[in-house]
């Protein structure tokens, strides 16, 4: 009788240990997945902010000087279209870092493109 009781206790303790270990492993995996997703989103925001900020020095120079002769029109047309496509892609995916980055990036890019076209039309007259 005592032997059956001690065996039952040992089996229960082992079952609890197995369940405890399995639950801890599950929590650790869940923790890593959640924080990995959060880290990926932060990387997206940081990359998007850098890309968006990169446009502003050129836009500031164009605002300050009004000069766009050194800007490649073809490059800015293709780049602005690409930024617009990335923005649309982000909207379709409902990806906030992509929407934010390309939405902000599109503003100075469109402005530079507008001033470049305006200056081309003025130079033709």
PDB file of N, CA and C in Angstrom:
ATOM      1  N   UNK A   1       0.803  -1.185   0.000  1.00  0.00           N
ATOM      2  CA  UNK A   1       0.000   0.000   0.000  1.00  0.00           C
ATOM      3  C   UNK A   1       0.861   1.271   0.000  1.00  0.00           C
ATOM      4  N   UNK A   2       1.858   1.280   0.842  1.00  0.00           N
ATOM      5  CA  UNK A   2       2.742   2.435   0.908  1.00  0.00           C
ATOM      6  C   UNK A   2       3.533   2.568  -0.386  1.00  0.00           C
ATOM      7  N   UNK A   3       3.852   1.419  -0.983  1.00  0.00           N
ATOM      8  CA  UNK A   3       4.589   1.407  -2.234  1.00  0.00           C
ATOM      9  C   UNK A   3       3.755   2.022  -3.364  1.00  0.00           C
ATOM     10  N   UNK A   4       2.453   1.717  -3.395  1.00  0.00           N
ATOM     11  CA  UNK A   4       1.563   2.283  -4.409  1.00  0.00           C
ATOM     12  C   UNK A   4       1.418   3.786  -4.219  1.00  0.00           C
ATOM     13  N   UNK A   5       1.357   4.230  -2.957  1.00  0.00           N
ATOM     14  CA  UNK A   5       1.209   5.652  -2.664  1.00  0.00           C
ATOM     15  C   UNK A   5       2.463   6.414  -3.073  1.00  0.00           C
ATOM     16  N   UNK A   6       3.623   5.874  -2.772  1.00  0.00           N
ATOM     17  CA  UNK A   6       4.869   6.552  -3.149  1.00  0.00           C
ATOM     18  C   UNK A   6       5.038   6.581  -4.666  1.00  0.00           C
ATOM     19  N   UNK A   7       4.616   5.522  -5.356  1.00  0.00           N
ATOM     20  CA  UNK A   7       4.677   5.505  -6.814  1.00  0.00           C
ATOM     21  C   UNK A   7       3.740   6.551  -7.396  1.00  0.00           C
ATOM     22  N   UNK A   8       2.557   6.665  -6.833  1.00  0.00           N
ATOM     23  CA  UNK A   8       1.584   7.657  -7.295  1.00  0.00           C
ATOM     24  C   UNK A   8       2.117   9.066  -7.077  1.00  0.00           C
ATOM     25  N   UNK A   9       2.706   9.304  -5.932  1.00  0.00           N
ATOM     26  CA  UNK A   9       3.274  10.627  -5.633  1.00  0.00           C
ATOM     27  C   UNK A   9       4.400  10.947  -6.612  1.00  0.00           C
ATOM     28  N   UNK A  10       5.264   9.975  -6.880  1.00  0.00           N
ATOM     29  CA  UNK A  10       6.371  10.192  -7.821  1.00  0.00           C
ATOM     30  C   UNK A  10       5.839  10.476  -9.219  1.00  0.00           C
ATOM     31  N   UNK A  11       4.817   9.746  -9.636  1.00  0.00           N
ATOM     32  CA  UNK A  11       4.226   9.968 -10.962  1.00  0.00           C
ATOM     33  C   UNK A  11       3.597  11.358 -11.032  1.00  0.00           C
ATOM     34  N   UNK A  12       2.894  11.753  -9.974  1.00  0.00           N
ATOM     35  CA  UNK A  12       2.282  13.093  -9.953  1.00  0.00           C
ATOM     36  C   UNK A  12       3.329  14.195  -9.975  1.00  0.00           C
ATOM     37  N   UNK A  13       4.393  13.996  -9.210  1.00  0.00           N
ATOM     38  CA  UNK A  13       5.476  15.002  -9.195  1.00  0.00           C
ATOM     39  C   UNK A  13       6.119  15.095 -10.572  1.00  0.00           C
ATOM     40  N   UNK A  14       6.380  13.964 -11.193  1.00  0.00           N
ATOM     41  CA  UNK A  14       6.984  13.969 -12.536  1.00  0.00           C
ATOM     42  C   UNK A  14       6.044  14.602 -13.561  1.00  0.00           C
ATOM     43  N   UNK A  15       4.738  14.313 -13.452  1.00  0.00           N
ATOM     44  CA  UNK A  15       3.775  14.916 -14.375  1.00  0.00           C
ATOM     45  C   UNK A  15       3.742  16.429 -14.192  1.00  0.00           C
ATOM     46  N   UNK A  16       3.774  16.876 -12.934  1.00  0.00           N
ATOM     47  CA  UNK A  16       3.793  18.320 -12.681  1.00  0.00           C
ATOM     48  C   UNK A  16       5.065  18.964 -13.224  1.00  0.00           C
ATOM     49  N   UNK A  17       6.190  18.292 -13.044  1.00  0.00           N
ATOM     50  CA  UNK A  17       7.454  18.827 -13.573  1.00  0.00           C
ATOM     51  C   UNK A  17       7.419  18.916 -15.099  1.00  0.00           C
ATOM     52  N   UNK A  18       6.894  17.888 -15.729  1.00  0.00           N
ATOM     53  CA  UNK A  18       6.808  17.897 -17.198  1.00  0.00           C
ATOM     54  C   UNK A  18       5.887  19.014 -17.665  1.00  0.00           C
ATOM     55  N   UNK A  19       4.721  19.142 -17.026  1.00  0.00           N
ATOM     56  CA  UNK A  19       3.794  20.214 -17.391  1.00  0.00           C
ATOM     57  C   UNK A  19       4.404  21.585 -17.121  1.00  0.00           C
ATOM     58  N   UNK A  20       5.092  21.720 -15.987  1.00  0.00           N
ATOM     59  CA  UNK A  20       5.736  22.989 -15.653  1.00  0.00           C
ATOM     60  C   UNK A  20       6.785  23.337 -16.702  1.00  0.00           C
ATOM     61  N   UNK A  21       7.624  22.367 -17.050  1.00  0.00           N
ATOM     62  CA  UNK A  21       8.664  22.614 -18.063  1.00  0.00           C
ATOM     63  C   UNK A  21       8.045  22.929 -19.427  1.00  0.00           C
ATOM     64  N   UNK A  22       7.027  22.201 -19.813  1.00  0.00           N
ATOM     65  CA  UNK A  22       6.370  22.450 -21.096  1.00  0.00           C
ATOM     66  C   UNK A  22       5.741  23.848 -21.110  1.00  0.00           C
ATOM     67  N   UNK A  23       5.103  24.231 -20.007  1.00  0.00           N
ATOM     68  CA  UNK A  23       4.496  25.554 -19.928  1.00  0.00           C
ATOM     69  C   UNK A  23       5.555  26.648 -19.976  1.00  0.00           C
ATOM     70  N   UNK A  24       6.684  26.449 -19.281  1.00  0.00           N
ATOM     71  CA  UNK A  24       7.777  27.430 -19.319  1.00  0.00           C
ATOM     72  C   UNK A  24       8.355  27.559 -20.727  1.00  0.00           C
ATOM     73  N   UNK A  25       8.526  26.434 -21.394  1.00  0.00           N
ATOM     74  CA  UNK A  25       9.030  26.482 -22.766  1.00  0.00           C
ATOM     75  C   UNK A  25       8.046  27.231 -23.659  1.00  0.00           C
ATOM     76  N   UNK A  26       6.756  26.953 -23.496  1.00  0.00           N
ATOM     77  CA  UNK A  26       5.728  27.656 -24.254  1.00  0.00           C
ATOM     78  C   UNK A  26       5.794  29.160 -23.985  1.00  0.00           C
ATOM     79  N   UNK A  27       5.910  29.555 -22.723  1.00  0.00           N
ATOM     80  CA  UNK A  27       5.997  30.979 -22.394  1.00  0.00           C
ATOM     81  C   UNK A  27       7.254  31.624 -22.964  1.00  0.00           C
ATOM     82  N   UNK A  28       8.373  30.912 -22.902  1.00  0.00           N
ATOM     83  CA  UNK A  28       9.607  31.451 -23.473  1.00  0.00           C
ATOM     84  C   UNK A  28       9.494  31.633 -24.986  1.00  0.00           C
ATOM     85  N   UNK A  29       8.919  30.665 -25.659  1.00  0.00           N
ATOM     86  CA  UNK A  29       8.730  30.791 -27.103  1.00  0.00           C
ATOM     87  C   UNK A  29       7.780  31.929 -27.433  1.00  0.00           C
ATOM     88  N   UNK A  30       6.687  32.043 -26.691  1.00  0.00           N
ATOM     89  CA  UNK A  30       5.737  33.124 -26.896  1.00  0.00           C
ATOM     90  C   UNK A  30       6.403  34.471 -26.655  1.00  0.00           C
ATOM     91  N   UNK A  31       7.192  34.572 -25.597  1.00  0.00           N
ATOM     92  CA  UNK A  31       7.917  35.796 -25.279  1.00  0.00           C
ATOM     93  C   UNK A  31       8.847  36.180 -26.431  1.00  0.00           C
ATOM     94  N   UNK A  32       9.596  35.198 -26.958  1.00  0.00           N
ATOM     95  CA  UNK A  32      10.511  35.484 -28.058  1.00  0.00           C
ATOM     96  C   UNK A  32       9.759  35.900 -29.316  1.00  0.00           C
ATOM     97  N   UNK A  33       8.650  35.253 -29.604  1.00  0.00           N
ATOM     98  CA  UNK A  33       7.876  35.596 -30.798  1.00  0.00           C
ATOM     99  C   UNK A  33       7.317  37.003 -30.678  1.00  0.00           C
ATOM    100  N   UNK A  34       6.740  37.324 -29.529  1.00  0.00           N
ATOM    101  CA  UNK A  34       6.150  38.652 -29.341  1.00  0.00           C
ATOM    102  C   UNK A  34       7.216  39.722 -29.439  1.00  0.00           C
ATOM    103  N   UNK A  35       8.337  39.530 -28.745  1.00  0.00           N
ATOM    104  CA  UNK A  35       9.363  40.552 -28.784  1.00  0.00           C
ATOM    105  C   UNK A  35      10.084  40.597 -30.118  1.00  0.00           C
ATOM    106  N   UNK A  36      10.149  39.480 -30.828  1.00  0.00           N
ATOM    107  CA  UNK A  36      10.736  39.494 -32.155  1.00  0.00           C
ATOM    108  C   UNK A  36       9.847  40.310 -33.094  1.00  0.00           C
ATOM    109  N   UNK A  37       8.529  40.150 -32.990  1.00  0.00           N
ATOM    110  CA  UNK A  37       7.627  40.934 -33.834  1.00  0.00           C
ATOM    111  C   UNK A  37       7.717  42.407 -33.501  1.00  0.00           C
ATOM    112  N   UNK A  38       7.794  42.721 -32.222  1.00  0.00           N
ATOM    113  CA  UNK A  38       7.907  44.120 -31.827  1.00  0.00           C
ATOM    114  C   UNK A  38       9.221  44.696 -32.338  1.00  0.00           C
ATOM    115  N   UNK A  39      10.308  43.951 -32.207  1.00  0.00           N
ATOM    116  CA  UNK A  39      11.598  44.426 -32.691  1.00  0.00           C
ATOM    117  C   UNK A  39      11.567  44.657 -34.199  1.00  0.00           C
ATOM    118  N   UNK A  40      10.913  43.783 -34.940  1.00  0.00           N
ATOM    119  CA  UNK A  40      10.827  43.944 -36.381  1.00  0.00           C
ATOM    120  C   UNK A  40      10.074  45.222 -36.725  1.00  0.00           C
ATOM    121  N   UNK A  41       9.012  45.510 -36.011  1.00  0.00           N
ATOM    122  CA  UNK A  41       8.252  46.734 -36.263  1.00  0.00           C
ATOM    123  C   UNK A  41       9.112  47.957 -35.970  1.00  0.00           C
ATOM    124  N   UNK A  42       9.866  47.911 -34.869  1.00  0.00           N
ATOM    125  CA  UNK A  42      10.751  49.040 -34.560  1.00  0.00           C
ATOM    126  C   UNK A  42      11.814  49.219 -35.632  1.00  0.00           C
ATOM    127  N   UNK A  43      12.345  48.138 -36.138  1.00  0.00           N
ATOM    128  CA  UNK A  43      13.324  48.235 -37.224  1.00  0.00           C
ATOM    129  C   UNK A  43      12.678  48.896 -38.438  1.00  0.00           C
ATOM    130  N   UNK A  44      11.430  48.535 -38.727  1.00  0.00           N
ATOM    131  CA  UNK A  44      10.709  49.163 -39.839  1.00  0.00           C
ATOM    132  C   UNK A  44      10.531  50.656 -39.638  1.00  0.00           C
ATOM    133  N   UNK A  45      10.164  51.061 -38.424  1.00  0.00           N
ATOM    134  CA  UNK A  45      10.000  52.494 -38.145  1.00  0.00           C
ATOM    135  C   UNK A  45      11.334  53.241 -38.245  1.00  0.00           C
ATOM    136  N   UNK A  46      12.386  52.650 -37.726  1.00  0.00           N
ATOM    137  CA  UNK A  46      13.701  53.304 -37.785  1.00  0.00           C
ATOM    138  C   UNK A  46      14.168  53.429 -39.229  1.00  0.00           C
ATOM    139  N   UNK A  47      14.035  52.356 -39.999  1.00  0.00           N
ATOM    140  CA  UNK A  47      14.439  52.409 -41.411  1.00  0.00           C
ATOM    141  C   UNK A  47      13.604  53.427 -42.170  1.00  0.00           C
ATOM    142  N   UNK A  48      12.307  53.438 -41.913  1.00  0.00           N
ATOM    143  CA  UNK A  48      11.433  54.391 -42.587  1.00  0.00           C
ATOM    144  C   UNK A  48      11.754  55.828 -42.222  1.00  0.00           C
ATOM    145  N   UNK A  49      12.045  56.066 -40.952  1.00  0.00           N
ATOM    146  CA  UNK A  49      12.396  57.425 -40.525  1.00  0.00           C
ATOM    147  C   UNK A  49      13.683  57.884 -41.193  1.00  0.00           C
ATOM    148  N   UNK A  50      14.669  57.000 -41.262  1.00  0.00           N
ATOM    149  CA  UNK A  50      15.934  57.362 -41.931  1.00  0.00           C
ATOM    150  C   UNK A  50      15.714  57.665 -43.410  1.00  0.00           C
ATOM    151  N   UNK A  51      14.921  56.843 -44.073  1.00  0.00           N
ATOM    152  CA  UNK A  51      14.642  57.053 -45.491  1.00  0.00           C
ATOM    153  C   UNK A  51      13.887  58.362 -45.701  1.00  0.00           C
ATOM    154  N   UNK A  52      12.924  58.623 -44.850  1.00  0.00           N
ATOM    155  CA  UNK A  52      12.144  59.855 -44.991  1.00  0.00           C
ATOM    156  C   UNK A  52      12.992  61.082 -44.698  1.00  0.00           C
ATOM    157  N   UNK A  53      13.791  61.012 -43.654  1.00  0.00           N
ATOM    158  CA  UNK A  53      14.638  62.148 -43.274  1.00  0.00           C
ATOM    159  C   UNK A  53      15.667  62.432 -44.363  1.00  0.00           C
ATOM    160  N   UNK A  54      16.118  61.399 -45.072  1.00  0.00           N
ATOM    161  CA  UNK A  54      17.133  61.572 -46.110  1.00  0.00           C
ATOM    162  C   UNK A  54      16.673  62.507 -47.224  1.00  0.00           C
ATOM    163  N   UNK A  55      15.372  62.630 -47.435  1.00  0.00           N
ATOM    164  CA  UNK A  55      14.842  63.492 -48.497  1.00  0.00           C
ATOM    165  C   UNK A  55      14.873  64.976 -48.114  1.00  0.00           C
ATOM    166  N   UNK A  56      14.813  65.276 -46.838  1.00  0.00           N
ATOM    167  CA  UNK A  56      14.635  66.654 -46.401  1.00  0.00           C
ATOM    168  C   UNK A  56      15.822  67.582 -46.649  1.00  0.00           C
ATOM    169  N   UNK A  57      17.085  67.143 -46.531  1.00  0.00           N
ATOM    170  CA  UNK A  57      18.174  68.073 -46.867  1.00  0.00           C
ATOM    171  C   UNK A  57      18.110  68.576 -48.317  1.00  0.00           C
ATOM    172  N   UNK A  58      17.793  67.681 -49.256  1.00  0.00           N
ATOM    173  CA  UNK A  58      17.668  68.098 -50.650  1.00  0.00           C
ATOM    174  C   UNK A  58      16.491  69.056 -50.818  1.00  0.00           C
ATOM    175  N   UNK A  59      15.378  68.745 -50.177  1.00  0.00           N
ATOM    176  CA  UNK A  59      14.210  69.623 -50.258  1.00  0.00           C
ATOM    177  C   UNK A  59      14.518  70.982 -49.644  1.00  0.00           C
ATOM    178  N   UNK A  60      15.234  71.003 -48.539  1.00  0.00           N
ATOM    179  CA  UNK A  60      15.599  72.273 -47.900  1.00  0.00           C
ATOM    180  C   UNK A  60      16.483  73.103 -48.823  1.00  0.00           C
ATOM    181  N   UNK A  61      17.427  72.437 -49.475  1.00  0.00           N
ATOM    182  CA  UNK A  61      18.309  73.142 -50.415  1.00  0.00           C
ATOM    183  C   UNK A  61      17.508  73.722 -51.573  1.00  0.00           C
ATOM    184  N   UNK A  62      16.554  72.962 -52.078  1.00  0.00           N
ATOM    185  CA  UNK A  62      15.718  73.454 -53.178  1.00  0.00           C
ATOM    186  C   UNK A  62      14.857  74.616 -52.704  1.00  0.00           C
ATOM    187  N   UNK A  63      14.301  74.532 -51.502  1.00  0.00           N
ATOM    188  CA  UNK A  63      13.491  75.633 -50.957  1.00  0.00           C
ATOM    189  C   UNK A  63      14.355  76.874 -50.786  1.00  0.00           C
ATOM    190  N   UNK A  64      15.552  76.698 -50.254  1.00  0.00           N
ATOM    191  CA  UNK A  64      16.432  77.830 -49.956  1.00  0.00           C
ATOM    192  C   UNK A  64      16.969  78.490 -51.219  1.00  0.00           C
ATOM    193  N   UNK A  65      17.406  77.684 -52.190  1.00  0.00           N
ATOM    194  CA  UNK A  65      18.045  78.251 -53.383  1.00  0.00           C
ATOM    195  C   UNK A  65      17.112  78.319 -54.585  1.00  0.00           C
ATOM    196  N   UNK A  66      16.123  77.439 -54.637  1.00  0.00           N
ATOM    197  CA  UNK A  66      15.247  77.371 -55.804  1.00  0.00           C
ATOM    198  C   UNK A  66      15.926  76.733 -57.007  1.00  0.00           C
ATOM    199  N   UNK A  67      17.157  76.278 -56.832  1.00  0.00           N
ATOM    200  CA  UNK A  67      17.953  75.732 -57.928  1.00  0.00           C
ATOM    201  C   UNK A  67      17.789  74.214 -57.994  1.00  0.00           C
ATOM    202  N   UNK A  68      17.455  73.730 -59.181  1.00  0.00           N
ATOM    203  CA  UNK A  68      17.274  72.290 -59.379  1.00  0.00           C
ATOM    204  C   UNK A  68      18.056  71.779 -60.590  1.00  0.00           C
ATOM    205  N   UNK A  69      18.983  72.579 -61.103  1.00  0.00           N
ATOM    206  CA  UNK A  69      19.728  72.175 -62.304  1.00  0.00           C
ATOM    207  C   UNK A  69      20.569  70.927 -62.077  1.00  0.00           C
ATOM    208  N   UNK A  70      21.062  70.747 -60.853  1.00  0.00           N
ATOM    209  CA  UNK A  70      21.932  69.599 -60.586  1.00  0.00           C
ATOM    210  C   UNK A  70      21.141  68.330 -60.242  1.00  0.00           C
ATOM    211  N   UNK A  71      19.825  68.427 -60.207  1.00  0.00           N
ATOM    212  CA  UNK A  71      18.993  67.274 -59.868  1.00  0.00           C
ATOM    213  C   UNK A  71      18.618  66.532 -61.144  1.00  0.00           C
ATOM    214  N   UNK A  72      18.781  65.226 -61.110  1.00  0.00           N
ATOM    215  CA  UNK A  72      18.407  64.406 -62.251  1.00  0.00           C
ATOM    216  C   UNK A  72      16.890  64.226 -62.256  1.00  0.00           C
ATOM    217  N   UNK A  73      16.241  64.780 -63.284  1.00  0.00           N
ATOM    218  CA  UNK A  73      14.792  64.692 -63.384  1.00  0.00           C
ATOM    219  C   UNK A  73      14.337  63.242 -63.515  1.00  0.00           C
ATOM    220  N   UNK A  74      15.012  62.473 -64.335  1.00  0.00           N
ATOM    221  CA  UNK A  74      14.650  61.067 -64.521  1.00  0.00           C
ATOM    222  C   UNK A  74      14.728  60.280 -63.229  1.00  0.00           C
ATOM    223  N   UNK A  75      15.795  60.521 -62.462  1.00  0.00           N
ATOM    224  CA  UNK A  75      15.956  59.816 -61.196  1.00  0.00           C
ATOM    225  C   UNK A  75      14.842  60.190 -60.239  1.00  0.00           C
ATOM    226  N   UNK A  76      14.491  61.466 -60.153  1.00  0.00           N
ATOM    227  CA  UNK A  76      13.439  61.880 -59.221  1.00  0.00           C
ATOM    228  C   UNK A  76      12.057  61.413 -59.656  1.00  0.00           C
ATOM    229  N   UNK A  77      11.810  61.345 -60.959  1.00  0.00           N
ATOM    230  CA  UNK A  77      10.527  60.818 -61.431  1.00  0.00           C
ATOM    231  C   UNK A  77      10.400  59.353 -61.034  1.00  0.00           C
ATOM    232  N   UNK A  78      11.441  58.567 -61.312  1.00  0.00           N
ATOM    233  CA  UNK A  78      11.406  57.138 -60.993  1.00  0.00           C
ATOM    234  C   UNK A  78      11.342  56.926 -59.477  1.00  0.00           C
ATOM    235  N   UNK A  79      12.135  57.690 -58.729  1.00  0.00           N
ATOM    236  CA  UNK A  79      12.145  57.526 -57.282  1.00  0.00           C
ATOM    237  C   UNK A  79      10.805  57.915 -56.667  1.00  0.00           C
ATOM    238  N   UNK A  80      10.219  59.014 -57.112  1.00  0.00           N
ATOM    239  CA  UNK A  80       8.926  59.447 -56.574  1.00  0.00           C
ATOM    240  C   UNK A  80       7.839  58.427 -56.901  1.00  0.00           C
ATOM    241  N   UNK A  81       7.875  57.885 -58.107  1.00  0.00           N
ATOM    242  CA  UNK A  81       6.914  56.842 -58.460  1.00  0.00           C
ATOM    243  C   UNK A  81       7.128  55.601 -57.593  1.00  0.00           C
ATOM    244  N   UNK A  82       8.385  55.245 -57.353  1.00  0.00           N
ATOM    245  CA  UNK A  82       8.702  54.113 -56.489  1.00  0.00           C
ATOM    246  C   UNK A  82       8.220  54.328 -55.065  1.00  0.00           C
ATOM    247  N   UNK A  83       8.407  55.533 -54.537  1.00  0.00           N
ATOM    248  CA  UNK A  83       7.929  55.855 -53.187  1.00  0.00           C
ATOM    249  C   UNK A  83       6.411  55.749 -53.135  1.00  0.00           C
ATOM    250  N   UNK A  84       5.749  56.252 -54.178  1.00  0.00           N
ATOM    251  CA  UNK A  84       4.287  56.147 -54.229  1.00  0.00           C
ATOM    252  C   UNK A  84       3.852  54.683 -54.246  1.00  0.00           C
ATOM    253  N   UNK A  85       4.547  53.860 -55.025  1.00  0.00           N
ATOM    254  CA  UNK A  85       4.209  52.427 -55.078  1.00  0.00           C
ATOM    255  C   UNK A  85       4.438  51.753 -53.727  1.00  0.00           C
ATOM    256  N   UNK A  86       5.534  52.100 -53.042  1.00  0.00           N
ATOM    257  CA  UNK A  86       5.769  51.553 -51.700  1.00  0.00           C
ATOM    258  C   UNK A  86       4.673  51.987 -50.735  1.00  0.00           C
ATOM    259  N   UNK A  87       4.232  53.231 -50.857  1.00  0.00           N
ATOM    260  CA  UNK A  87       3.141  53.715 -50.002  1.00  0.00           C
ATOM    261  C   UNK A  87       1.868  52.924 -50.276  1.00  0.00           C
ATOM    262  N   UNK A  88       1.552  52.733 -51.524  1.00  0.00           N
ATOM    263  CA  UNK A  88       0.370  51.963 -51.898  1.00  0.00           C
ATOM    264  C   UNK A  88       0.489  50.518 -51.400  1.00  0.00           C
ATOM    265  N   UNK A  89       1.658  49.942 -51.543  1.00  0.00           N
ATOM    266  CA  UNK A  89       1.908  48.585 -51.058  1.00  0.00           C
ATOM    267  C   UNK A  89       1.706  48.500 -49.543  1.00  0.00           C
ATOM    268  N   UNK A  90       2.208  49.494 -48.824  1.00  0.00           N
ATOM    269  CA  UNK A  90       2.028  49.536 -47.376  1.00  0.00           C
ATOM    270  C   UNK A  90       0.572  49.661 -46.984  1.00  0.00           C
ATOM    271  N   UNK A  91      -0.184  50.464 -47.739  1.00  0.00           N
ATOM    272  CA  UNK A  91      -1.619  50.601 -47.468  1.00  0.00           C
ATOM    273  C   UNK A  91      -2.328  49.276 -47.710  1.00  0.00           C
ATOM    274  N   UNK A  92      -1.986  48.616 -48.797  1.00  0.00           N
ATOM    275  CA  UNK A  92      -2.622  47.336 -49.108  1.00  0.00           C
ATOM    276  C   UNK A  92      -2.287  46.260 -48.065  1.00  0.00           C
ATOM    277  N   UNK A  93      -1.087  46.324 -47.510  1.00  0.00           N
ATOM    278  CA  UNK A  93      -0.693  45.369 -46.471  1.00  0.00           C
ATOM    279  C   UNK A  93      -1.106  45.819 -45.077  1.00  0.00           C
ATOM    280  N   UNK A  94      -1.555  47.061 -44.978  1.00  0.00           N
ATOM    281  CA  UNK A  94      -1.881  47.667 -43.681  1.00  0.00           C
ATOM    282  C   UNK A  94      -0.650  47.638 -42.773  1.00  0.00           C
ATOM    283  N   UNK A  95       0.493  48.016 -43.350  1.00  0.00           N
ATOM    284  CA  UNK A  95       1.772  48.015 -42.651  1.00  0.00           C
ATOM    285  C   UNK A  95       2.103  49.455 -42.259  1.00  0.00           C
ATOM    286  N   UNK A  96       1.915  49.781 -40.984  1.00  0.00           N
ATOM    287  CA  UNK A  96       2.071  51.164 -40.531  1.00  0.00           C
ATOM    288  C   UNK A  96       3.472  51.728 -40.734  1.00  0.00           C
ATOM    289  N   UNK A  97       4.557  50.998 -40.442  1.00  0.00           N
ATOM    290  CA  UNK A  97       5.876  51.590 -40.699  1.00  0.00           C
ATOM    291  C   UNK A  97       6.071  51.949 -42.167  1.00  0.00           C
ATOM    292  N   UNK A  98       5.595  51.103 -43.067  1.00  0.00           N
ATOM    293  CA  UNK A  98       5.740  51.355 -44.501  1.00  0.00           C
ATOM    294  C   UNK A  98       4.892  52.557 -44.929  1.00  0.00           C
ATOM    295  N   UNK A  99       3.683  52.645 -44.399  1.00  0.00           N
ATOM    296  CA  UNK A  99       2.795  53.769 -44.722  1.00  0.00           C
ATOM    297  C   UNK A  99       3.402  55.061 -44.211  1.00  0.00           C
ATOM    298  N   UNK A 100       3.842  55.057 -42.959  1.00  0.00           N
ATOM    299  CA  UNK A 100       4.426  56.249 -42.353  1.00  0.00           C
ATOM    300  C   UNK A 100       5.656  56.714 -43.111  1.00  0.00           C
ATOM    301  N   UNK A 101       6.580  55.804 -43.329  1.00  0.00           N
ATOM    302  CA  UNK A 101       7.846  56.168 -43.968  1.00  0.00           C
ATOM    303  C   UNK A 101       7.640  56.707 -45.368  1.00  0.00           C
ATOM    304  N   UNK A 102       6.865  56.018 -46.155  1.00  0.00           N
ATOM    305  CA  UNK A 102       6.703  56.440 -47.545  1.00  0.00           C
ATOM    306  C   UNK A 102       5.769  57.628 -47.674  1.00  0.00           C
ATOM    307  N   UNK A 103       4.811  57.756 -46.763  1.00  0.00           N
ATOM    308  CA  UNK A 103       3.962  58.952 -46.764  1.00  0.00           C
ATOM    309  C   UNK A 103       4.766  60.208 -46.475  1.00  0.00           C
ATOM    310  N   UNK A 104       5.651  60.125 -45.471  1.00  0.00           N
ATOM    311  CA  UNK A 104       6.509  61.261 -45.135  1.00  0.00           C
ATOM    312  C   UNK A 104       7.525  61.501 -46.243  1.00  0.00           C
ATOM    313  N   UNK A 105       8.078  60.441 -46.798  1.00  0.00           N
ATOM    314  CA  UNK A 105       9.100  60.549 -47.835  1.00  0.00           C
ATOM    315  C   UNK A 105       8.534  61.130 -49.133  1.00  0.00           C
ATOM    316  N   UNK A 106       7.275  60.884 -49.384  1.00  0.00           N
ATOM    317  CA  UNK A 106       6.653  61.351 -50.623  1.00  0.00           C
ATOM    318  C   UNK A 106       6.525  62.877 -50.657  1.00  0.00           C
ATOM    319  N   UNK A 107       6.370  63.504 -49.495  1.00  0.00           N
ATOM    320  CA  UNK A 107       6.164  64.960 -49.439  1.00  0.00           C
ATOM    321  C   UNK A 107       7.350  65.724 -50.017  1.00  0.00           C
ATOM    322  N   UNK A 108       8.587  65.556 -49.491  1.00  0.00           N
ATOM    323  CA  UNK A 108       9.696  66.312 -50.093  1.00  0.00           C
ATOM    324  C   UNK A 108      10.022  65.860 -51.509  1.00  0.00           C
ATOM    325  N   UNK A 109       9.794  64.589 -51.802  1.00  0.00           N
ATOM    326  CA  UNK A 109      10.081  64.101 -53.143  1.00  0.00           C
ATOM    327  C   UNK A 109       9.156  64.755 -54.167  1.00  0.00           C
ATOM    328  N   UNK A 110       7.867  64.847 -53.844  1.00  0.00           N
ATOM    329  CA  UNK A 110       6.927  65.524 -54.740  1.00  0.00           C
ATOM    330  C   UNK A 110       7.249  67.009 -54.871  1.00  0.00           C
ATOM    331  N   UNK A 111       7.647  67.618 -53.766  1.00  0.00           N
ATOM    332  CA  UNK A 111       7.993  69.043 -53.815  1.00  0.00           C
ATOM    333  C   UNK A 111       9.191  69.282 -54.726  1.00  0.00           C
ATOM    334  N   UNK A 112      10.236  68.475 -54.562  1.00  0.00           N
ATOM    335  CA  UNK A 112      11.428  68.623 -55.401  1.00  0.00           C
ATOM    336  C   UNK A 112      11.069  68.390 -56.864  1.00  0.00           C
ATOM    337  N   UNK A 113      10.248  67.405 -57.126  1.00  0.00           N
ATOM    338  CA  UNK A 113       9.811  67.116 -58.491  1.00  0.00           C
ATOM    339  C   UNK A 113       9.016  68.292 -59.065  1.00  0.00           C
ATOM    340  N   UNK A 114       8.133  68.857 -58.256  1.00  0.00           N
ATOM    341  CA  UNK A 114       7.337  70.003 -58.697  1.00  0.00           C
ATOM    342  C   UNK A 114       8.242  71.194 -59.050  1.00  0.00           C
ATOM    343  N   UNK A 115       9.172  71.524 -58.175  1.00  0.00           N
ATOM    344  CA  UNK A 115      10.072  72.660 -58.422  1.00  0.00           C
ATOM    345  C   UNK A 115      10.958  72.387 -59.641  1.00  0.00           C
ATOM    346  N   UNK A 116      11.386  71.153 -59.807  1.00  0.00           N
ATOM    347  CA  UNK A 116      12.218  70.806 -60.966  1.00  0.00           C
ATOM    348  C   UNK A 116      11.435  71.012 -62.258  1.00  0.00           C
ATOM    349  N   UNK A 117      10.186  70.539 -62.315  1.00  0.00           N
ATOM    350  CA  UNK A 117       9.355  70.764 -63.505  1.00  0.00           C
ATOM    351  C   UNK A 117       9.080  72.250 -63.707  1.00  0.00           C
ATOM    352  N   UNK A 118       8.813  72.962 -62.619  1.00  0.00           N
ATOM    353  CA  UNK A 118       8.557  74.401 -62.728  1.00  0.00           C
ATOM    354  C   UNK A 118       9.771  75.122 -63.297  1.00  0.00           C
ATOM    355  N   UNK A 119      10.959  74.772 -62.818  1.00  0.00           N
ATOM    356  CA  UNK A 119      12.172  75.411 -63.323  1.00  0.00           C
ATOM    357  C   UNK A 119      12.435  75.045 -64.789  1.00  0.00           C
ATOM    358  N   UNK A 120      12.123  73.822 -65.172  1.00  0.00           N
ATOM    359  CA  UNK A 120      12.272  73.444 -66.594  1.00  0.00           C
ATOM    360  C   UNK A 120      11.347  74.271 -67.475  1.00  0.00           C
ATOM    361  N   UNK A 121      10.116  74.474 -67.041  1.00  0.00           N
ATOM    362  CA  UNK A 121       9.176  75.281 -67.820  1.00  0.00           C
ATOM    363  C   UNK A 121       9.599  76.747 -67.885  1.00  0.00           C
ATOM    364  N   UNK A 122      10.151  77.264 -66.804  1.00  0.00           N
ATOM    365  CA  UNK A 122      10.639  78.660 -66.800  1.00  0.00           C
ATOM    366  C   UNK A 122      11.830  78.827 -67.717  1.00  0.00           C
ATOM    367  N   UNK A 123      12.714  77.818 -67.748  1.00  0.00           N
ATOM    368  CA  UNK A 123      13.919  77.907 -68.591  1.00  0.00           C
ATOM    369  C   UNK A 123      13.573  77.806 -70.066  1.00  0.00           C
ATOM    370  N   UNK A 124      12.456  77.140 -70.418  1.00  0.00           N
ATOM    371  CA  UNK A 124      12.064  77.004 -71.808  1.00  0.00           C
ATOM    372  C   UNK A 124      11.490  78.287 -72.352  1.00  0.00           C
ATOM    373  N   UNK A 125      10.937  79.115 -71.482  1.00  0.00           N
ATOM    374  CA  UNK A 125      10.298  80.367 -71.947  1.00  0.00           C
ATOM    375  C   UNK A 125      11.274  81.427 -72.285  1.00  0.00           C
TER     376      UNK A 125
END
